[in-house]
Amino acid sequence: AIEGRYTGTISDIDYNDANLVRLFTNKAIYLKAMYPVDNFALYGLHGYGQTVARDISDEGFQYGVGASYNVMDNVGLFVDYTRLYDDSGLIATEDYTMDTVNIGVTYAF
């Protein structure tokens, strides 16, 4: 399957009383390989997207894994982990990664 996603924050992200990010957005398109068993499915995501967080804006490959459960014929629940950004090795003194855990509801038309 092919899946498009848009992710963003609705408020600041704080960690240890420090404001880290005022706005975070990600838009991406993924190939989604699924292994369904009855109403349950495991899946992998691999695609390309753009991540913007504070002064970092980059495009690149993104990947993740997840599971979904169909509650009804057209309504489902999902949880997944996605690596959105990884600059490991680009700058010797810095190493940033951005990962998300997503929980959501799907509706099929």
Foldseek 3Di string as FASTA:
>chain_A
DKDKDKDKDPAFDDDPNDGFFGIKIKIWMWDKDWDDDVQKIKIKTWTKMWIDTDPDIDIDIKIWIWMKGAPDPFKIKIWIKMWRDWPPPVDPVDTDTDMDIDIDMGGDD
